[in-house]
Protein backbone atom coordinates (compact mmCIF):
# COMPACT_ATOMS: atom_id res chain seq x y z
CA UNK A 1 25.53 6.90 -106.32
CA UNK A 2 21.75 6.54 -105.97
CA UNK A 3 19.26 9.16 -107.08
CA UNK A 4 18.44 9.97 -103.43
CA UNK A 5 22.11 10.30 -102.43
CA UNK A 6 22.72 12.58 -105.43
CA UNK A 7 19.81 14.84 -104.54
CA UNK A 8 20.78 15.04 -100.85
CA UNK A 9 24.36 15.94 -101.71
CA UNK A 10 23.27 18.65 -104.14
CA UNK A 11 20.98 20.35 -101.59
CA UNK A 12 22.39 23.60 -100.08
CA UNK A 13 24.35 23.04 -96.86
CA UNK A 14 21.78 24.56 -94.49
CA UNK A 15 18.91 22.53 -95.90
CA UNK A 16 21.05 19.40 -95.97
CA UNK A 17 21.67 19.82 -92.25
CA UNK A 18 17.94 20.06 -91.66
CA UNK A 19 17.46 16.78 -93.53
CA UNK A 20 20.02 15.16 -91.23
CA UNK A 21 18.19 16.25 -88.05
CA UNK A 22 17.01 13.53 -85.69
CA UNK A 23 13.37 14.17 -86.58
CA UNK A 24 11.89 11.29 -84.55
CA UNK A 25 13.38 12.99 -81.49
CA UNK A 26 11.72 16.29 -82.45
CA UNK A 27 8.37 14.52 -82.86
CA UNK A 28 8.69 12.85 -79.46
CA UNK A 29 9.56 16.12 -77.72
CA UNK A 30 6.58 17.81 -79.38
CA UNK A 31 4.29 14.96 -78.32
CA UNK A 32 5.36 15.25 -74.67
CA UNK A 33 4.98 19.04 -74.71
CA UNK A 34 1.51 18.67 -76.25
CA UNK A 35 0.47 16.46 -73.36
CA UNK A 36 1.67 19.24 -71.09
CA UNK A 37 -0.49 21.79 -72.93
CA UNK A 38 -3.56 19.58 -72.44
CA UNK A 39 -2.85 19.11 -68.74
CA UNK A 40 -2.28 22.83 -68.17
CA UNK A 41 -5.54 23.56 -69.97
CA UNK A 42 -7.28 21.03 -67.73
CA UNK A 43 -5.88 22.22 -64.38
CA UNK A 44 -6.86 25.79 -65.30
CA UNK A 45 -10.48 24.70 -65.60
CA UNK A 46 -10.64 24.92 -69.39
CA UNK A 47 -8.93 28.31 -69.68
CA UNK A 48 -6.10 28.32 -72.19
CA UNK A 49 -4.78 31.79 -71.38
CA UNK A 50 -3.80 30.98 -67.77
CA UNK A 51 -1.00 28.43 -68.24
CA UNK A 52 -1.39 26.56 -71.53
CA UNK A 53 -1.04 29.53 -73.89
CA UNK A 54 2.13 30.97 -72.27
CA UNK A 55 3.59 27.45 -72.26
CA UNK A 56 2.82 27.03 -75.97
CA UNK A 57 4.57 30.29 -76.78
CA UNK A 58 7.61 29.22 -74.78
CA UNK A 59 7.67 25.89 -76.57
CA UNK A 60 7.65 27.59 -79.97
CA UNK A 61 10.56 29.78 -78.86
CA UNK A 62 12.38 26.79 -77.41
CA UNK A 63 11.78 24.60 -80.46
CA UNK A 64 13.01 27.35 -82.78
CA UNK A 65 16.07 27.74 -80.57
CA UNK A 66 16.66 23.99 -80.68
CA UNK A 67 16.66 23.98 -84.47
CA UNK A 68 19.01 26.97 -84.61
CA UNK A 69 21.40 25.42 -82.08
CA UNK A 70 21.33 22.20 -84.09
CA UNK A 71 22.45 24.00 -87.24
CA UNK A 72 25.57 25.39 -85.55
CA UNK A 73 28.65 23.12 -85.90
CA UNK A 74 29.38 21.04 -82.83
CA UNK A 75 32.98 22.33 -82.66
CA UNK A 76 31.57 25.76 -81.83
CA UNK A 77 29.67 24.39 -78.84
CA UNK A 78 32.78 22.50 -77.74
CA UNK A 79 34.70 25.80 -77.72
CA UNK A 80 31.85 27.50 -75.85
CA UNK A 81 31.69 24.90 -73.07
CA UNK A 82 33.89 26.80 -70.61
CA UNK A 83 32.01 30.02 -71.35
CA UNK A 84 28.66 28.31 -70.70
CA UNK A 85 29.88 26.81 -67.42
CA UNK A 86 31.53 30.00 -66.11
CA UNK A 87 28.57 32.13 -67.20
CA UNK A 88 26.13 29.90 -65.32
CA UNK A 89 28.47 29.90 -62.32
CA UNK A 90 28.63 33.70 -62.25
CA UNK A 91 24.84 33.85 -62.38
CA UNK A 92 24.63 31.40 -59.47
CA UNK A 93 26.96 33.66 -57.49
CA UNK A 94 24.81 36.62 -58.54
CA UNK A 95 21.75 34.89 -57.08
CA UNK A 96 23.46 34.99 -53.67
CA UNK A 97 23.62 38.78 -53.78
CA UNK A 98 20.87 39.95 -56.14
CA UNK A 99 18.51 36.99 -56.42
CA UNK A 100 14.76 37.34 -55.96
CA UNK A 101 12.94 35.16 -53.45
CA UNK A 102 9.97 32.97 -54.28
CA UNK A 103 8.29 30.23 -52.20
CA UNK A 104 10.91 30.54 -49.48
CA UNK A 105 13.93 30.09 -51.74
CA UNK A 106 16.32 32.50 -53.44
CA UNK A 107 16.71 30.85 -56.86
CA UNK A 108 15.95 33.48 -59.48
CA UNK A 109 17.76 36.48 -60.87
CA UNK A 110 16.13 39.27 -62.84
CA UNK A 111 17.96 40.63 -65.89
CA UNK A 112 15.82 43.39 -67.33
CA UNK A 113 12.43 41.90 -68.19
CA UNK A 114 13.78 38.34 -67.88
CA UNK A 115 13.42 36.24 -64.74
CA UNK A 116 16.04 33.53 -64.98
CA UNK A 117 16.81 30.49 -62.84
CA UNK A 118 20.60 30.03 -63.22
CA UNK A 119 20.55 26.51 -61.77
CA UNK A 120 18.71 25.35 -64.90
CA UNK A 121 21.50 26.79 -67.05
CA UNK A 122 24.10 25.08 -64.88
CA UNK A 123 22.60 21.63 -65.50
CA UNK A 124 23.53 21.95 -69.17
CA UNK A 125 26.65 24.08 -68.70
CA UNK A 126 28.09 21.42 -66.38
CA UNK A 127 27.44 18.63 -68.90
CA UNK A 128 29.08 20.68 -71.66
CA UNK A 129 32.12 21.45 -69.50
CA UNK A 130 32.64 17.84 -68.44
CA UNK A 131 32.21 16.56 -72.00
CA UNK A 132 34.81 19.08 -73.24
CA UNK A 133 37.16 18.17 -70.38
CA UNK A 134 37.10 14.44 -71.15
CA UNK A 135 37.36 15.15 -74.88
CA UNK A 136 40.59 17.07 -74.12
CA UNK A 137 41.94 14.58 -71.58
CA UNK A 138 43.99 11.60 -72.69
CA UNK A 139 41.86 8.48 -72.11
CA UNK A 140 44.74 6.84 -70.24
CA UNK A 141 44.51 9.56 -67.57
CA UNK A 142 40.74 9.26 -67.05
CA UNK A 143 40.98 7.36 -63.75
CA UNK A 144 44.12 9.02 -62.38
CA UNK A 145 43.27 10.61 -58.99
CA UNK A 146 44.47 14.09 -59.98
CA UNK A 147 42.47 14.12 -63.21
CA UNK A 148 39.42 12.75 -61.38
CA UNK A 149 39.64 15.52 -58.79
CA UNK A 150 39.22 18.29 -61.38
CA UNK A 151 35.73 17.26 -62.60
CA UNK A 152 34.70 16.55 -59.00
CA UNK A 153 35.53 20.16 -58.12
CA UNK A 154 33.68 21.37 -61.22
CA UNK A 155 30.60 19.49 -59.98
CA UNK A 156 30.81 20.39 -56.29
CA UNK A 157 31.17 24.18 -56.69
CA UNK A 158 27.77 24.77 -58.37
CA UNK A 159 26.18 22.06 -56.22
CA UNK A 160 27.21 23.95 -53.08
CA UNK A 161 25.83 27.23 -54.45
CA UNK A 162 22.52 25.58 -55.35
CA UNK A 163 22.22 23.96 -51.91
CA UNK A 164 22.54 27.41 -50.33
CA UNK A 165 19.47 28.72 -52.20
CA UNK A 166 18.19 26.13 -50.93
CA UNK A 167 17.30 23.76 -53.78
CA UNK A 168 17.99 20.16 -52.84
CA UNK A 169 16.33 18.71 -55.96
CA UNK A 170 18.54 20.62 -58.42
CA UNK A 171 21.63 19.87 -56.32
CA UNK A 172 20.88 16.15 -56.60
CA UNK A 173 20.44 16.49 -60.36
CA UNK A 174 23.77 18.30 -60.70
CA UNK A 175 25.61 15.62 -58.74
CA UNK A 176 23.95 12.75 -60.58
CA UNK A 177 24.21 14.39 -64.02
CA UNK A 178 27.91 15.06 -63.53
CA UNK A 179 28.38 11.51 -62.30
CA UNK A 180 26.77 10.12 -65.45
CA UNK A 181 29.23 11.97 -67.69
CA UNK A 182 32.15 10.75 -65.59
CA UNK A 183 30.83 7.20 -65.73
CA UNK A 184 30.41 7.05 -69.51
CA UNK A 185 33.79 8.78 -69.92
CA UNK A 186 35.38 5.70 -68.38
CA UNK A 187 36.22 6.69 -64.81
CA UNK A 188 36.98 3.59 -62.70
CA UNK A 189 34.05 1.91 -60.95
CA UNK A 190 35.95 2.06 -57.66
CA UNK A 191 35.44 5.80 -57.47
CA UNK A 192 31.68 5.36 -57.76
CA UNK A 193 31.71 2.62 -55.14
CA UNK A 194 33.53 5.01 -52.82
CA UNK A 195 31.00 7.75 -53.50
CA UNK A 196 28.10 5.40 -52.76
CA UNK A 197 29.70 4.48 -49.43
CA UNK A 198 30.17 8.18 -48.62
CA UNK A 199 26.54 8.92 -49.52
CA UNK A 200 25.38 6.22 -47.12
CA UNK A 201 27.59 7.74 -44.43
CA UNK A 202 26.24 11.22 -45.26
CA UNK A 203 22.64 10.04 -44.94
CA UNK A 204 23.47 8.62 -41.54
CA UNK A 205 25.15 11.89 -40.60
CA UNK A 206 22.12 13.92 -41.73
CA UNK A 207 19.82 11.99 -39.41
CA UNK A 208 22.31 12.23 -36.55
CA UNK A 209 22.61 16.01 -37.00
CA UNK A 210 18.92 16.67 -36.53
CA UNK A 211 18.29 19.14 -33.71
CA UNK A 212 21.98 19.84 -33.16
CA UNK A 213 24.01 23.00 -33.69
CA UNK A 214 25.61 21.42 -36.79
CA UNK A 215 22.35 20.36 -38.47
CA UNK A 216 23.18 19.57 -42.10
CA UNK A 217 19.83 20.31 -43.79
CA UNK A 218 16.93 22.68 -43.17
CA UNK A 219 13.97 21.82 -40.92
CA UNK A 220 11.54 21.84 -43.84
CA UNK A 221 13.72 19.26 -45.59
CA UNK A 222 13.55 17.02 -42.52
CA UNK A 223 9.78 17.41 -42.63
CA UNK A 224 9.84 16.19 -46.24
CA UNK A 225 11.78 13.12 -45.14
CA UNK A 226 9.33 12.47 -42.29
CA UNK A 227 6.45 12.86 -44.72
CA UNK A 228 8.10 10.45 -47.14
CA UNK A 229 8.53 7.82 -44.42
CA UNK A 230 5.02 8.29 -43.00
CA UNK A 231 2.68 10.59 -45.00
CA UNK A 232 -0.22 9.79 -42.69
CA UNK A 233 1.55 11.19 -39.63
CA UNK A 234 0.50 14.72 -40.58
CA UNK A 235 -2.13 14.45 -43.34
CA UNK A 236 -3.27 18.07 -43.01
CA UNK A 237 0.20 19.55 -42.57
CA UNK A 238 3.53 18.36 -43.93
CA UNK A 239 1.95 15.21 -45.36
CA UNK A 240 -0.88 16.99 -47.17
CA UNK A 241 0.82 17.27 -50.57
CA UNK A 242 1.81 13.64 -50.97
CA UNK A 243 -1.45 12.38 -49.42
CA UNK A 244 -3.56 14.30 -51.94
CA UNK A 245 -1.25 13.23 -54.77
CA UNK A 246 -1.68 9.57 -53.82
CA UNK A 247 -5.45 10.00 -53.65
CA UNK A 248 -5.42 11.42 -57.19
CA UNK A 249 -3.16 8.64 -58.45
CA UNK A 250 -5.33 5.94 -56.91
CA UNK A 251 -8.65 7.42 -58.00
CA UNK A 252 -7.57 7.42 -61.65
CA UNK A 253 -7.66 3.64 -61.80
CA UNK A 254 -6.84 1.87 -65.04
CA UNK A 255 -8.23 4.30 -67.62
CA UNK A 256 -8.87 7.45 -65.59
CA UNK A 257 -11.91 9.65 -65.01
CA UNK A 258 -11.69 11.42 -68.35
CA UNK A 259 -10.22 14.68 -69.62
CA UNK A 260 -11.00 17.59 -67.28
CA UNK A 261 -12.92 15.27 -64.96
CA UNK A 262 -10.30 14.97 -62.24
CA UNK A 263 -11.90 15.99 -58.96
CA UNK A 264 -8.64 16.43 -57.05
CA UNK A 265 -7.37 19.11 -59.43
CA UNK A 266 -10.70 20.76 -60.23
CA UNK A 267 -11.51 21.14 -56.54
CA UNK A 268 -7.99 22.44 -55.82
CA UNK A 269 -6.99 19.62 -53.49
CA UNK A 270 -3.82 18.97 -55.46
CA UNK A 271 -0.81 21.13 -54.48
CA UNK A 272 1.25 22.78 -57.23
CA UNK A 273 -1.04 21.11 -59.73
CA UNK A 274 0.43 23.02 -62.69
CA UNK A 275 4.11 22.49 -61.78
CA UNK A 276 5.67 19.74 -59.67
CA UNK A 277 2.51 17.64 -59.20
CA UNK A 278 1.06 17.83 -62.70
CA UNK A 279 1.70 14.11 -63.26
CA UNK A 280 -0.95 13.31 -60.65
CA UNK A 281 -3.53 15.22 -62.71
CA UNK A 282 -2.58 13.19 -65.77
CA UNK A 283 -2.86 9.93 -63.80
CA UNK A 284 -6.24 10.92 -62.35
CA UNK A 285 -7.74 11.89 -65.70
CA UNK A 286 -6.13 9.22 -67.92
CA UNK A 287 -5.29 6.57 -65.36
CA UNK A 288 -2.50 4.02 -65.41
CA UNK A 289 -2.63 3.87 -69.21
CA UNK A 290 -2.07 7.62 -69.54
CA UNK A 291 0.78 7.68 -67.04
CA UNK A 292 2.46 4.69 -68.68
CA UNK A 293 2.08 6.27 -72.12
CA UNK A 294 3.87 9.42 -71.00
CA UNK A 295 6.59 7.31 -69.41
CA UNK A 296 7.00 5.40 -72.69
CA UNK A 297 7.48 8.67 -74.60
CA UNK A 298 10.13 9.76 -72.11
CA UNK A 299 11.94 6.43 -72.42
CA UNK A 300 11.87 6.65 -76.23
CA UNK A 301 13.47 10.11 -76.08
CA UNK A 302 16.29 8.72 -73.94
CA UNK A 303 16.68 5.69 -76.25
CA UNK A 304 16.98 7.87 -79.37
CA UNK A 305 19.63 9.99 -77.61
CA UNK A 306 21.60 6.91 -76.54
CA UNK A 307 21.45 5.46 -80.07
CA UNK A 308 22.77 8.76 -81.44
CA UNK A 309 25.56 8.85 -78.84
CA UNK A 310 26.59 5.25 -79.53
CA UNK A 311 26.86 5.87 -83.26
CA UNK A 312 28.86 9.10 -82.85
CA UNK A 313 32.64 8.69 -83.21
CA UNK A 314 33.36 12.20 -81.89
CA UNK A 315 34.10 11.89 -78.15
CA UNK A 316 32.78 15.32 -77.17
CA UNK A 317 29.55 14.82 -79.12
CA UNK A 318 28.99 11.37 -77.68
CA UNK A 319 29.62 12.41 -74.07
CA UNK A 320 27.48 15.51 -74.49
CA UNK A 321 24.57 13.46 -75.83
CA UNK A 322 24.90 10.92 -73.03
CA UNK A 323 24.99 13.75 -70.50
CA UNK A 324 21.86 15.46 -71.82
CA UNK A 325 20.03 12.13 -72.02
CA UNK A 326 21.08 11.26 -68.46
CA UNK A 327 20.00 14.63 -67.09
CA UNK A 328 16.65 14.35 -68.87
CA UNK A 329 16.21 10.81 -67.51
CA UNK A 330 16.88 12.03 -63.97
CA UNK A 331 14.34 14.83 -64.44
CA UNK A 332 11.33 12.64 -65.09
CA UNK A 333 12.39 9.74 -62.85
CA UNK A 334 12.86 12.01 -59.81
CA UNK A 335 9.57 13.84 -60.43
CA UNK A 336 7.53 10.68 -60.94
CA UNK A 337 9.17 9.02 -57.93
CA UNK A 338 8.50 12.13 -55.87
CA UNK A 339 4.77 12.41 -56.60
CA UNK A 340 4.15 8.67 -56.28
CA UNK A 341 5.81 8.54 -52.85
CA UNK A 342 8.89 6.55 -53.88
CA UNK A 343 11.22 9.34 -52.73
CA UNK A 344 10.92 12.58 -50.73
CA UNK A 345 9.46 15.68 -52.36
CA UNK A 346 12.44 17.69 -53.62
CA UNK A 347 10.82 20.19 -55.98
CA UNK A 348 11.79 18.85 -59.42
CA UNK A 349 9.37 19.67 -62.29
CA UNK A 350 8.17 17.16 -64.90
CA UNK A 351 10.18 18.00 -68.05
CA UNK A 352 8.25 19.67 -70.89
CA UNK A 353 4.96 19.08 -69.04
CA UNK A 354 5.17 21.21 -65.89
CA UNK A 355 4.57 24.93 -66.26
CA UNK A 356 7.79 26.92 -66.39
CA UNK A 357 9.69 29.07 -68.85
CA UNK A 358 13.37 28.72 -67.96
CA UNK A 359 13.28 24.94 -67.60
CA UNK A 360 11.50 24.32 -70.91
CA UNK A 361 13.57 26.69 -73.08
CA UNK A 362 16.89 25.55 -71.63
CA UNK A 363 15.95 21.88 -71.92
CA UNK A 364 15.02 22.35 -75.59
CA UNK A 365 18.31 24.21 -76.07
CA UNK A 366 20.07 21.17 -74.60
CA UNK A 367 18.34 18.95 -77.15
CA UNK A 368 19.54 21.44 -79.74
CA UNK A 369 23.07 20.47 -78.68
CA UNK A 370 22.10 16.82 -79.17
CA UNK A 371 20.88 17.71 -82.66
CA UNK A 372 24.12 19.54 -83.43
CA UNK A 373 26.10 16.49 -82.33
CA UNK A 374 23.89 14.27 -84.48
CA UNK A 375 23.94 16.46 -87.59
CA UNK A 376 27.68 17.14 -87.53
CA UNK A 377 28.88 13.70 -86.49
CA UNK A 378 31.68 12.13 -88.59
CA UNK A 379 30.24 10.25 -91.56
């Protein structure tokens, strides 16, 4: 036994767990959040108290929560998976009856002084539930139709409730996040091929339903699709957001205009510049290099999670880590694709960078689960 091994093994259990944390992952998360603080400071015109300071406080709370969650044994979180899923589901149902409305959607529920968005909780609760389900299920039954139907129902119920709010972006993330867990759990590729075919048919059906009595999506969502296909068709109306975002992206050039020198954000041309479209501010001020650097940090976070999942011999821990990594990946890919015009605007924030309390704290709590899986993995 080496001197280092002896000293690690003689450290008290709590401190030993801290030493086993995936610290590179913590550093990467902090780096991304710090970029968010700078951008929020910039879009507020150099005022820290508007958005940056509240976001910093939330990050400290979220980071502390992540460390605490990471210290709790992973078996506890496995046992709490059904509770997390059902709790989030009850809150989603509660939104239907008691939810508060903001920006034309009923997505929030107020519990005392807290204003909570249950769909954010469901993203993680669903991953936990599916990971626990496949950890319980015999691997030989993974692709049996009956045992495939159960997780499909678990995914579709919250997706339907979120679509009613309406929140198309989160519904897409729930479907895709659940699909990732099913895929890495070993469900047959034929099921996914069937789903892809059904999605193509659904897209066709959505376009055919436009203007009919059985219209499948809202008018404003059709406008987003029209804007995506031709932003210039209504540059001052439905196409305004994406047009201004593309102007900001293009004007940043290779190296950007400089910190707090972005004209699109400073002159308030950019829509939702502190939330969904904050990436365009980054690209305008720091250019292609800045945008690529943030993307590289995101990719490294996903890579560290995948490496941890691959090395974990506990099935629940591995699936949970893959699920959190996949959900996080979908977060930033959908947002960046949305603001660059590669897909319709669906209202998905940029993780750890966009302003928002519920999303940041819950996402850091999810990475706390990843830390718990990493710290308590079989050695």
